């Protein structure tokens, strides 16, 4: 099982990241700021660090720089969906990856997959001569408001450029006294 230190000042991001990672068999240690993350590095000995770039006091960039200077674990930096990422700073601190929030399970898992392996515990076969029993597919519908909010945020983030273009065209057309362009 891999141990992951998740440093984010957003309780929502902590819960989402922790849930996704724990479901894949990782041990997750969550902290709310960069200073505590740096203190926990020694006792936690994480295999991977995920740090938000915009935490108060000590940013994810600073956590990453500290970890890399001391030969520590890989670091993936995270940022909000509309938050600007300073690519030069990412290169300077030698981050191992960048991930946008809200966390989408497949993206988070593929981002960390290069560095850690999930280790879900599987039951050992009782007797080698006995054929394994096939498990019925599990289908559970869970309506989690946090997951719905994350999905809506991702969808809005993807749709935002087109919406801005349409609104801009309508405002410019109204100000110019003409009809807006109609795009199919």
N, C-alpha and C. Protein backbone atom coordinates (compact mmCIF):
# COMPACT_ATOMS: atom_id res chain seq x y z
N UNK A 1 0.85 -1.17 0.00
CA UNK A 1 0.00 0.00 0.00
C UNK A 1 0.89 1.24 0.00
N UNK A 2 0.56 2.21 -0.83
CA UNK A 2 1.32 3.46 -0.90
C UNK A 2 0.78 4.47 0.10
N UNK A 3 1.67 5.27 0.63
CA UNK A 3 1.28 6.32 1.57
C UNK A 3 1.37 7.65 0.82
N UNK A 4 0.27 8.39 0.81
CA UNK A 4 0.19 9.66 0.09
C UNK A 4 -0.13 10.78 1.06
N UNK A 5 0.65 11.85 0.99
CA UNK A 5 0.39 13.05 1.78
C UNK A 5 -0.35 14.03 0.88
N UNK A 6 -1.58 14.39 1.26
CA UNK A 6 -2.42 15.31 0.50
C UNK A 6 -2.52 16.61 1.28
N UNK A 7 -1.92 17.67 0.73
CA UNK A 7 -1.92 18.98 1.39
C UNK A 7 -2.79 19.94 0.60
N UNK A 8 -3.91 20.33 1.19
CA UNK A 8 -4.84 21.24 0.52
C UNK A 8 -5.65 21.96 1.58
N UNK A 9 -5.82 23.29 1.42
CA UNK A 9 -6.58 24.04 2.41
C UNK A 9 -8.08 23.95 2.18
N UNK A 10 -8.51 23.29 1.12
CA UNK A 10 -9.93 23.12 0.84
C UNK A 10 -10.42 21.80 1.43
N UNK A 11 -11.35 21.86 2.39
CA UNK A 11 -11.88 20.61 2.95
C UNK A 11 -12.54 19.74 1.87
N UNK A 12 -13.18 20.38 0.90
CA UNK A 12 -13.83 19.64 -0.19
C UNK A 12 -12.78 18.86 -1.00
N UNK A 13 -11.69 19.52 -1.37
CA UNK A 13 -10.63 18.85 -2.14
C UNK A 13 -10.01 17.72 -1.31
N UNK A 14 -9.84 17.95 -0.02
CA UNK A 14 -9.30 16.90 0.84
C UNK A 14 -10.20 15.68 0.85
N UNK A 15 -11.51 15.90 1.04
CA UNK A 15 -12.44 14.78 1.09
C UNK A 15 -12.49 14.02 -0.23
N UNK A 16 -12.54 14.76 -1.34
CA UNK A 16 -12.61 14.12 -2.65
C UNK A 16 -11.35 13.31 -2.93
N UNK A 17 -10.19 13.94 -2.73
CA UNK A 17 -8.93 13.25 -2.98
C UNK A 17 -8.76 12.04 -2.08
N UNK A 18 -9.08 12.22 -0.82
CA UNK A 18 -8.93 11.12 0.14
C UNK A 18 -9.84 9.95 -0.22
N UNK A 19 -11.08 10.24 -0.58
CA UNK A 19 -12.02 9.18 -0.92
C UNK A 19 -11.53 8.39 -2.15
N UNK A 20 -11.11 9.10 -3.18
CA UNK A 20 -10.65 8.44 -4.41
C UNK A 20 -9.43 7.57 -4.12
N UNK A 21 -8.47 8.14 -3.41
CA UNK A 21 -7.21 7.43 -3.14
C UNK A 21 -7.41 6.24 -2.21
N UNK A 22 -8.21 6.41 -1.18
CA UNK A 22 -8.46 5.29 -0.24
C UNK A 22 -9.21 4.15 -0.91
N UNK A 23 -10.13 4.49 -1.83
CA UNK A 23 -10.86 3.45 -2.54
C UNK A 23 -9.92 2.59 -3.39
N UNK A 24 -8.77 3.14 -3.73
CA UNK A 24 -7.78 2.38 -4.51
C UNK A 24 -6.74 1.70 -3.63
N UNK A 25 -6.92 1.76 -2.33
CA UNK A 25 -6.06 1.03 -1.42
C UNK A 25 -4.87 1.82 -0.88
N UNK A 26 -4.85 3.13 -1.11
CA UNK A 26 -3.74 3.94 -0.61
C UNK A 26 -4.02 4.42 0.81
N UNK A 27 -2.97 4.59 1.56
CA UNK A 27 -3.07 5.24 2.87
C UNK A 27 -2.93 6.73 2.61
N UNK A 28 -3.84 7.54 3.12
CA UNK A 28 -3.83 8.97 2.83
C UNK A 28 -3.73 9.76 4.13
N UNK A 29 -2.78 10.69 4.14
CA UNK A 29 -2.62 11.61 5.26
C UNK A 29 -2.97 12.98 4.72
N UNK A 30 -3.99 13.62 5.29
CA UNK A 30 -4.40 14.94 4.81
C UNK A 30 -3.98 16.01 5.80
N UNK A 31 -3.52 17.12 5.24
CA UNK A 31 -3.17 18.30 6.05
C UNK A 31 -3.74 19.52 5.34
N UNK A 32 -3.95 20.60 6.10
CA UNK A 32 -4.61 21.78 5.57
C UNK A 32 -3.68 22.91 5.15
N UNK A 33 -2.41 22.77 5.40
CA UNK A 33 -1.50 23.84 4.95
C UNK A 33 -0.10 23.30 4.70
N UNK A 34 0.67 24.08 3.98
CA UNK A 34 2.01 23.68 3.58
C UNK A 34 2.98 23.53 4.73
N UNK A 35 2.83 24.36 5.75
CA UNK A 35 3.74 24.28 6.90
C UNK A 35 3.57 22.94 7.61
N UNK A 36 2.34 22.52 7.82
CA UNK A 36 2.09 21.23 8.46
C UNK A 36 2.56 20.09 7.54
N UNK A 37 2.37 20.25 6.24
CA UNK A 37 2.84 19.23 5.30
C UNK A 37 4.33 19.02 5.46
N UNK A 38 5.09 20.11 5.55
CA UNK A 38 6.54 20.00 5.69
C UNK A 38 6.92 19.34 7.02
N UNK A 39 6.15 19.60 8.07
CA UNK A 39 6.42 18.97 9.36
C UNK A 39 6.11 17.48 9.33
N UNK A 40 5.07 17.09 8.58
CA UNK A 40 4.66 15.69 8.54
C UNK A 40 5.54 14.82 7.64
N UNK A 41 6.36 15.44 6.81
CA UNK A 41 7.18 14.66 5.87
C UNK A 41 8.04 13.63 6.57
N UNK A 42 8.63 13.99 7.70
CA UNK A 42 9.55 13.07 8.37
C UNK A 42 8.84 11.90 9.01
N UNK A 43 7.75 12.17 9.75
CA UNK A 43 7.10 11.05 10.43
C UNK A 43 6.21 10.25 9.48
N UNK A 44 5.67 10.88 8.45
CA UNK A 44 4.77 10.18 7.53
C UNK A 44 5.52 9.38 6.48
N UNK A 45 6.69 9.85 6.07
CA UNK A 45 7.49 9.22 5.02
C UNK A 45 6.61 8.81 3.83
N UNK A 46 5.96 9.80 3.18
CA UNK A 46 5.05 9.47 2.08
C UNK A 46 5.79 8.98 0.83
N UNK A 47 5.09 8.17 0.06
CA UNK A 47 5.61 7.71 -1.24
C UNK A 47 5.33 8.76 -2.31
N UNK A 48 4.35 9.64 -2.06
CA UNK A 48 3.94 10.68 -2.99
C UNK A 48 3.32 11.83 -2.22
N UNK A 49 3.51 13.04 -2.72
CA UNK A 49 2.92 14.23 -2.10
C UNK A 49 2.06 14.92 -3.16
N UNK A 50 0.86 15.27 -2.78
CA UNK A 50 -0.03 16.07 -3.63
C UNK A 50 -0.26 17.36 -2.87
N UNK A 51 0.14 18.50 -3.47
CA UNK A 51 0.09 19.78 -2.76
C UNK A 51 -0.54 20.87 -3.61
N UNK A 52 -1.47 21.59 -3.01
CA UNK A 52 -2.15 22.72 -3.66
C UNK A 52 -1.19 23.90 -3.78
N UNK A 53 -1.14 24.53 -4.94
CA UNK A 53 -0.19 25.63 -5.14
C UNK A 53 -0.54 26.87 -4.35
N UNK A 54 -1.80 27.02 -3.94
CA UNK A 54 -2.19 28.30 -3.32
C UNK A 54 -2.60 28.18 -1.86
N UNK A 55 -1.92 27.35 -1.11
CA UNK A 55 -2.21 27.27 0.32
C UNK A 55 -1.65 28.50 1.02
N UNK A 56 -2.28 28.92 2.11
CA UNK A 56 -1.76 30.08 2.85
C UNK A 56 -0.44 29.75 3.54
N UNK A 57 0.32 30.76 3.84
CA UNK A 57 1.62 30.69 4.51
C UNK A 57 2.68 29.99 3.67
N UNK A 58 2.56 28.69 3.46
CA UNK A 58 3.54 27.93 2.67
C UNK A 58 2.78 27.31 1.49
N UNK A 59 3.11 27.72 0.29
CA UNK A 59 2.41 27.25 -0.91
C UNK A 59 2.87 25.85 -1.31
N UNK A 60 2.14 25.24 -2.22
CA UNK A 60 2.54 23.96 -2.77
C UNK A 60 3.86 24.06 -3.50
N UNK A 61 4.12 25.19 -4.15
CA UNK A 61 5.41 25.40 -4.80
C UNK A 61 6.55 25.29 -3.78
N UNK A 62 6.34 25.93 -2.61
CA UNK A 62 7.37 25.90 -1.57
C UNK A 62 7.54 24.51 -0.97
N UNK A 63 6.42 23.79 -0.81
CA UNK A 63 6.50 22.41 -0.31
C UNK A 63 7.30 21.57 -1.29
N UNK A 64 6.99 21.70 -2.58
CA UNK A 64 7.68 20.94 -3.61
C UNK A 64 9.17 21.26 -3.62
N UNK A 65 9.50 22.54 -3.56
CA UNK A 65 10.91 22.94 -3.55
C UNK A 65 11.64 22.33 -2.36
N UNK A 66 11.03 22.34 -1.19
CA UNK A 66 11.61 21.77 0.02
C UNK A 66 11.84 20.27 -0.15
N UNK A 67 10.82 19.58 -0.66
CA UNK A 67 10.91 18.12 -0.84
C UNK A 67 12.02 17.78 -1.82
N UNK A 68 12.08 18.48 -2.93
CA UNK A 68 13.09 18.19 -3.95
C UNK A 68 14.50 18.52 -3.46
N UNK A 69 14.64 19.56 -2.67
CA UNK A 69 15.95 19.93 -2.13
C UNK A 69 16.46 18.88 -1.16
N UNK A 70 15.54 18.17 -0.51
CA UNK A 70 15.92 17.16 0.48
C UNK A 70 15.77 15.74 -0.06
N UNK A 71 15.69 15.60 -1.38
CA UNK A 71 15.65 14.27 -2.00
C UNK A 71 14.45 13.44 -1.65
N UNK A 72 13.30 14.08 -1.51
CA UNK A 72 12.11 13.36 -1.08
C UNK A 72 11.31 12.74 -2.21
N UNK A 73 10.08 12.43 -1.90
CA UNK A 73 9.16 11.73 -2.79
C UNK A 73 8.73 12.60 -3.97
N UNK A 74 8.11 11.98 -4.97
CA UNK A 74 7.55 12.76 -6.08
C UNK A 74 6.46 13.71 -5.57
N UNK A 75 6.30 14.85 -6.25
CA UNK A 75 5.31 15.85 -5.86
C UNK A 75 4.44 16.19 -7.06
N UNK A 76 3.13 16.08 -6.88
CA UNK A 76 2.17 16.55 -7.88
C UNK A 76 1.52 17.79 -7.31
N UNK A 77 1.57 18.89 -8.07
CA UNK A 77 0.95 20.14 -7.64
C UNK A 77 -0.47 20.19 -8.17
N UNK A 78 -1.36 20.79 -7.39
CA UNK A 78 -2.75 20.93 -7.82
C UNK A 78 -3.14 22.40 -7.83
N UNK A 79 -4.14 22.71 -8.64
CA UNK A 79 -4.66 24.08 -8.74
C UNK A 79 -6.15 24.00 -9.05
N UNK A 80 -6.87 25.04 -8.64
CA UNK A 80 -8.30 25.12 -8.94
C UNK A 80 -8.53 25.19 -10.45
N UNK A 81 -9.76 24.89 -10.85
CA UNK A 81 -10.10 24.82 -12.27
C UNK A 81 -9.79 26.10 -13.03
N UNK A 82 -9.94 27.25 -12.39
CA UNK A 82 -9.70 28.53 -13.08
C UNK A 82 -8.45 29.25 -12.55
N UNK A 83 -7.70 28.56 -11.72
CA UNK A 83 -6.51 29.16 -11.13
C UNK A 83 -5.33 29.10 -12.09
N UNK A 84 -4.59 30.20 -12.18
CA UNK A 84 -3.44 30.27 -13.06
C UNK A 84 -2.28 29.49 -12.48
N UNK A 85 -1.62 28.71 -13.34
CA UNK A 85 -0.45 27.93 -12.92
C UNK A 85 0.78 28.58 -13.55
N UNK A 86 1.76 28.89 -12.75
CA UNK A 86 3.00 29.50 -13.21
C UNK A 86 3.94 28.38 -13.67
N UNK A 87 3.96 28.14 -14.99
CA UNK A 87 4.75 27.04 -15.54
C UNK A 87 6.24 27.18 -15.21
N UNK A 88 6.74 28.41 -15.21
CA UNK A 88 8.16 28.62 -14.89
C UNK A 88 8.44 28.20 -13.44
N UNK A 89 7.51 28.49 -12.56
CA UNK A 89 7.66 28.10 -11.15
C UNK A 89 7.56 26.58 -11.00
N UNK A 90 6.68 25.95 -11.76
CA UNK A 90 6.54 24.49 -11.74
C UNK A 90 7.87 23.85 -12.15
N UNK A 91 8.48 24.39 -13.21
CA UNK A 91 9.77 23.87 -13.67
C UNK A 91 10.87 24.13 -12.64
N UNK A 92 10.86 25.33 -12.06
CA UNK A 92 11.90 25.70 -11.10
C UNK A 92 11.91 24.78 -9.89
N UNK A 93 10.71 24.44 -9.38
CA UNK A 93 10.64 23.60 -8.17
C UNK A 93 10.69 22.11 -8.51
N UNK A 94 10.75 21.79 -9.80
CA UNK A 94 10.89 20.42 -10.30
C UNK A 94 9.73 19.52 -9.91
N UNK A 95 8.50 20.06 -10.05
CA UNK A 95 7.30 19.26 -9.77
C UNK A 95 7.22 18.09 -10.74
N UNK A 96 6.67 16.99 -10.27
CA UNK A 96 6.54 15.79 -11.09
C UNK A 96 5.25 15.75 -11.89
N UNK A 97 4.34 16.68 -11.61
CA UNK A 97 3.09 16.73 -12.35
C UNK A 97 2.21 17.85 -11.84
N UNK A 98 1.18 18.14 -12.63
CA UNK A 98 0.19 19.17 -12.28
C UNK A 98 -1.18 18.55 -12.50
N UNK A 99 -2.10 18.85 -11.60
CA UNK A 99 -3.45 18.31 -11.69
C UNK A 99 -4.44 19.41 -11.33
N UNK A 100 -5.47 19.56 -12.14
CA UNK A 100 -6.51 20.55 -11.87
C UNK A 100 -7.59 19.95 -10.97
N UNK A 101 -8.16 20.79 -10.13
CA UNK A 101 -9.27 20.39 -9.27
C UNK A 101 -10.55 20.94 -9.89
N UNK A 102 -11.71 20.39 -9.59
CA UNK A 102 -11.94 19.32 -8.64
C UNK A 102 -11.40 18.00 -9.19
N UNK A 103 -10.98 17.13 -8.27
CA UNK A 103 -10.39 15.86 -8.65
C UNK A 103 -11.42 14.99 -9.36
N UNK A 104 -11.04 14.50 -10.51
CA UNK A 104 -11.83 13.51 -11.24
C UNK A 104 -11.07 12.21 -11.07
N UNK A 105 -11.74 11.19 -10.62
CA UNK A 105 -11.07 9.95 -10.19
C UNK A 105 -10.08 9.40 -11.20
N UNK A 106 -10.48 9.23 -12.46
CA UNK A 106 -9.57 8.61 -13.42
C UNK A 106 -8.34 9.48 -13.68
N UNK A 107 -8.52 10.81 -13.70
CA UNK A 107 -7.37 11.70 -13.91
C UNK A 107 -6.42 11.67 -12.72
N UNK A 108 -6.98 11.69 -11.52
CA UNK A 108 -6.15 11.64 -10.32
C UNK A 108 -5.36 10.33 -10.28
N UNK A 109 -6.04 9.23 -10.53
CA UNK A 109 -5.37 7.93 -10.45
C UNK A 109 -4.34 7.75 -11.55
N UNK A 110 -4.62 8.25 -12.75
CA UNK A 110 -3.60 8.13 -13.80
C UNK A 110 -2.41 9.04 -13.51
N UNK A 111 -2.66 10.19 -12.88
CA UNK A 111 -1.56 11.10 -12.53
C UNK A 111 -0.62 10.49 -11.50
N UNK A 112 -1.18 9.80 -10.53
CA UNK A 112 -0.33 9.23 -9.48
C UNK A 112 0.21 7.86 -9.87
N UNK A 113 -0.39 7.23 -10.88
CA UNK A 113 -0.03 5.87 -11.26
C UNK A 113 1.42 5.70 -11.65
N UNK A 114 2.05 6.75 -12.16
CA UNK A 114 3.47 6.66 -12.53
C UNK A 114 4.36 6.50 -11.31
N UNK A 115 3.86 6.89 -10.15
CA UNK A 115 4.70 6.94 -8.94
C UNK A 115 4.35 5.92 -7.88
N UNK A 116 3.08 5.51 -7.81
CA UNK A 116 2.64 4.58 -6.78
C UNK A 116 1.70 3.56 -7.38
N UNK A 117 1.56 2.45 -6.71
CA UNK A 117 0.64 1.41 -7.14
C UNK A 117 -0.41 1.23 -6.07
N UNK A 118 -1.67 1.11 -6.50
CA UNK A 118 -2.74 0.79 -5.56
C UNK A 118 -2.54 -0.63 -5.06
N UNK A 119 -3.08 -0.92 -3.93
CA UNK A 119 -2.86 -2.24 -3.36
C UNK A 119 -4.13 -2.70 -2.67
N UNK A 120 -5.20 -2.83 -3.44
CA UNK A 120 -6.43 -3.32 -2.84
C UNK A 120 -6.21 -4.75 -2.37
N UNK A 121 -6.65 -5.02 -1.19
CA UNK A 121 -6.49 -6.38 -0.65
C UNK A 121 -7.49 -7.29 -1.32
N UNK A 122 -6.99 -8.40 -1.84
CA UNK A 122 -7.84 -9.39 -2.47
C UNK A 122 -7.75 -10.68 -1.68
N UNK A 123 -8.86 -11.37 -1.52
CA UNK A 123 -8.80 -12.63 -0.77
C UNK A 123 -7.99 -13.67 -1.51
N UNK A 124 -7.18 -14.40 -0.77
CA UNK A 124 -6.39 -15.47 -1.39
C UNK A 124 -7.31 -16.66 -1.63
N UNK A 125 -7.04 -17.42 -2.71
CA UNK A 125 -7.88 -18.61 -2.95
C UNK A 125 -7.74 -19.59 -1.79
N UNK A 126 -8.84 -20.21 -1.38
CA UNK A 126 -8.82 -21.13 -0.24
C UNK A 126 -8.02 -22.37 -0.58
N UNK A 127 -8.26 -22.96 -1.75
CA UNK A 127 -7.55 -24.16 -2.18
C UNK A 127 -7.23 -23.97 -3.66
N UNK A 128 -6.02 -24.32 -4.06
CA UNK A 128 -5.61 -24.11 -5.44
C UNK A 128 -6.48 -24.90 -6.42
N UNK A 129 -7.01 -26.06 -6.00
CA UNK A 129 -7.78 -26.90 -6.91
C UNK A 129 -9.19 -26.37 -7.13
N UNK A 130 -9.64 -25.47 -6.28
CA UNK A 130 -10.99 -24.94 -6.39
C UNK A 130 -10.98 -23.74 -7.33
N UNK A 131 -11.87 -23.74 -8.29
CA UNK A 131 -11.96 -22.62 -9.22
C UNK A 131 -12.46 -21.39 -8.48
N UNK A 132 -11.90 -20.21 -8.80
CA UNK A 132 -12.37 -19.01 -8.11
C UNK A 132 -13.83 -18.72 -8.45
N UNK A 133 -14.54 -18.22 -7.47
CA UNK A 133 -15.95 -17.88 -7.65
C UNK A 133 -16.01 -16.50 -8.30
N UNK A 134 -16.73 -16.42 -9.39
CA UNK A 134 -16.87 -15.13 -10.07
C UNK A 134 -17.77 -14.23 -9.24
N UNK A 135 -17.33 -12.99 -9.08
CA UNK A 135 -18.13 -12.04 -8.32
C UNK A 135 -19.12 -11.38 -9.26
N UNK A 136 -20.34 -11.21 -8.77
CA UNK A 136 -21.35 -10.52 -9.57
C UNK A 136 -20.96 -9.06 -9.67
N UNK A 137 -21.17 -8.44 -10.83
CA UNK A 137 -20.84 -7.03 -10.94
C UNK A 137 -21.64 -6.23 -9.93
N UNK A 138 -20.99 -5.28 -9.32
CA UNK A 138 -21.63 -4.46 -8.31
C UNK A 138 -22.10 -3.17 -8.94
N UNK A 139 -23.34 -2.86 -8.76
CA UNK A 139 -23.90 -1.63 -9.31
C UNK A 139 -24.63 -0.92 -8.19
N UNK A 140 -24.09 0.17 -7.72
CA UNK A 140 -24.69 0.91 -6.64
C UNK A 140 -24.82 2.36 -7.07
N UNK A 141 -26.01 2.90 -6.95
CA UNK A 141 -26.22 4.31 -7.28
C UNK A 141 -26.17 5.11 -5.99
N UNK A 142 -25.17 5.97 -5.89
CA UNK A 142 -25.03 6.81 -4.71
C UNK A 142 -25.10 8.25 -5.17
N UNK A 143 -26.00 8.99 -4.61
CA UNK A 143 -26.12 10.39 -4.97
C UNK A 143 -25.40 11.18 -3.90
N UNK A 144 -24.19 11.57 -4.23
CA UNK A 144 -23.35 12.33 -3.32
C UNK A 144 -23.30 13.78 -3.81
N UNK A 145 -23.85 14.71 -3.05
CA UNK A 145 -23.87 16.11 -3.50
C UNK A 145 -22.47 16.64 -3.85
N UNK A 146 -21.44 16.20 -3.15
CA UNK A 146 -20.09 16.67 -3.44
C UNK A 146 -19.62 16.17 -4.80
N UNK A 147 -19.92 14.92 -5.13
CA UNK A 147 -19.55 14.38 -6.44
C UNK A 147 -20.33 15.07 -7.55
N UNK A 148 -21.60 15.32 -7.31
CA UNK A 148 -22.42 16.02 -8.30
C UNK A 148 -21.86 17.43 -8.51
N UNK A 149 -21.53 18.12 -7.43
CA UNK A 149 -20.96 19.47 -7.53
C UNK A 149 -19.65 19.43 -8.31
N UNK A 150 -18.80 18.44 -8.04
CA UNK A 150 -17.53 18.32 -8.76
C UNK A 150 -17.78 18.08 -10.24
N UNK A 151 -18.73 17.23 -10.58
CA UNK A 151 -19.04 16.95 -11.99
C UNK A 151 -19.59 18.20 -12.68
N UNK A 152 -20.46 18.93 -12.00
CA UNK A 152 -20.99 20.17 -12.57
C UNK A 152 -19.88 21.18 -12.79
N UNK A 153 -18.97 21.28 -11.83
CA UNK A 153 -17.85 22.22 -11.95
C UNK A 153 -16.98 21.87 -13.15
N UNK A 154 -16.70 20.59 -13.33
CA UNK A 154 -15.89 20.16 -14.48
C UNK A 154 -16.61 20.47 -15.79
N UNK A 155 -17.93 20.20 -15.83
CA UNK A 155 -18.70 20.47 -17.04
C UNK A 155 -18.73 21.97 -17.35
N UNK A 156 -18.94 22.78 -16.33
CA UNK A 156 -18.95 24.24 -16.53
C UNK A 156 -17.59 24.75 -16.99
N UNK A 157 -16.54 24.19 -16.41
CA UNK A 157 -15.19 24.59 -16.80
C UNK A 157 -14.96 24.29 -18.28
N UNK A 158 -15.46 23.15 -18.75
CA UNK A 158 -15.29 22.78 -20.16
C UNK A 158 -16.15 23.65 -21.07
N UNK A 159 -17.35 24.03 -20.61
CA UNK A 159 -18.27 24.80 -21.43
C UNK A 159 -18.03 26.30 -21.37
N UNK A 160 -17.28 26.76 -20.38
CA UNK A 160 -17.13 28.20 -20.13
C UNK A 160 -16.61 28.99 -21.33
N UNK A 161 -15.57 28.56 -22.05
CA UNK A 161 -15.10 29.38 -23.18
C UNK A 161 -16.18 29.64 -24.23
N UNK A 162 -16.99 28.64 -24.56
CA UNK A 162 -18.05 28.82 -25.55
C UNK A 162 -19.12 29.76 -25.02
N UNK A 163 -19.48 29.63 -23.74
CA UNK A 163 -20.48 30.52 -23.15
C UNK A 163 -19.99 31.96 -23.14
N UNK A 164 -18.74 32.17 -22.82
CA UNK A 164 -18.18 33.52 -22.81
C UNK A 164 -18.20 34.11 -24.21
N UNK A 165 -17.84 33.31 -25.22
CA UNK A 165 -17.87 33.79 -26.60
C UNK A 165 -19.29 34.20 -27.01
N UNK A 166 -20.27 33.36 -26.69
CA UNK A 166 -21.66 33.66 -27.03
C UNK A 166 -22.15 34.94 -26.34
N UNK A 167 -21.85 35.05 -25.05
CA UNK A 167 -22.30 36.23 -24.30
C UNK A 167 -21.62 37.50 -24.83
N UNK A 168 -20.33 37.39 -25.12
CA UNK A 168 -19.59 38.54 -25.65
C UNK A 168 -20.20 38.98 -26.97
N UNK A 169 -20.50 38.03 -27.85
CA UNK A 169 -21.08 38.35 -29.15
C UNK A 169 -22.43 39.05 -28.97
N UNK A 170 -23.24 38.57 -28.06
CA UNK A 170 -24.56 39.18 -27.84
C UNK A 170 -24.45 40.59 -27.28
N UNK A 171 -23.55 40.80 -26.36
CA UNK A 171 -23.37 42.14 -25.78
C UNK A 171 -22.84 43.10 -26.84
N UNK A 172 -21.83 42.67 -27.60
CA UNK A 172 -21.26 43.53 -28.66
C UNK A 172 -22.33 43.84 -29.70
N UNK A 173 -23.11 42.83 -30.08
CA UNK A 173 -24.17 43.05 -31.07
C UNK A 173 -25.21 44.04 -30.56
N UNK A 174 -25.60 43.90 -29.29
CA UNK A 174 -26.58 44.81 -28.72
C UNK A 174 -26.05 46.23 -28.67
N UNK A 175 -24.78 46.38 -28.28
CA UNK A 175 -24.18 47.71 -28.22
C UNK A 175 -24.02 48.33 -29.60
N UNK A 176 -23.80 47.48 -30.61
CA UNK A 176 -23.62 47.97 -31.98
C UNK A 176 -24.95 48.09 -32.72
N UNK A 177 -26.05 47.67 -32.09
CA UNK A 177 -27.36 47.77 -32.71
C UNK A 177 -27.56 46.77 -33.84
N UNK A 178 -26.95 45.61 -33.75
CA UNK A 178 -27.13 44.57 -34.77
C UNK A 178 -27.55 43.27 -34.09
N UNK A 179 -27.93 42.30 -34.92
CA UNK A 179 -28.28 40.98 -34.40
C UNK A 179 -27.00 40.20 -34.12
N UNK A 180 -27.02 39.39 -33.05
CA UNK A 180 -25.83 38.58 -32.77
C UNK A 180 -25.62 37.50 -33.84
N UNK A 181 -24.38 37.07 -34.00
CA UNK A 181 -24.07 35.97 -34.92
C UNK A 181 -24.78 34.73 -34.40
N UNK A 182 -25.30 33.93 -35.30
CA UNK A 182 -25.91 32.66 -34.90
C UNK A 182 -25.01 31.55 -35.39
N UNK A 183 -24.52 30.78 -34.43
CA UNK A 183 -23.64 29.65 -34.74
C UNK A 183 -24.38 28.37 -34.47
N UNK A 184 -24.26 27.42 -35.36
CA UNK A 184 -24.94 26.14 -35.19
C UNK A 184 -24.22 25.27 -34.22
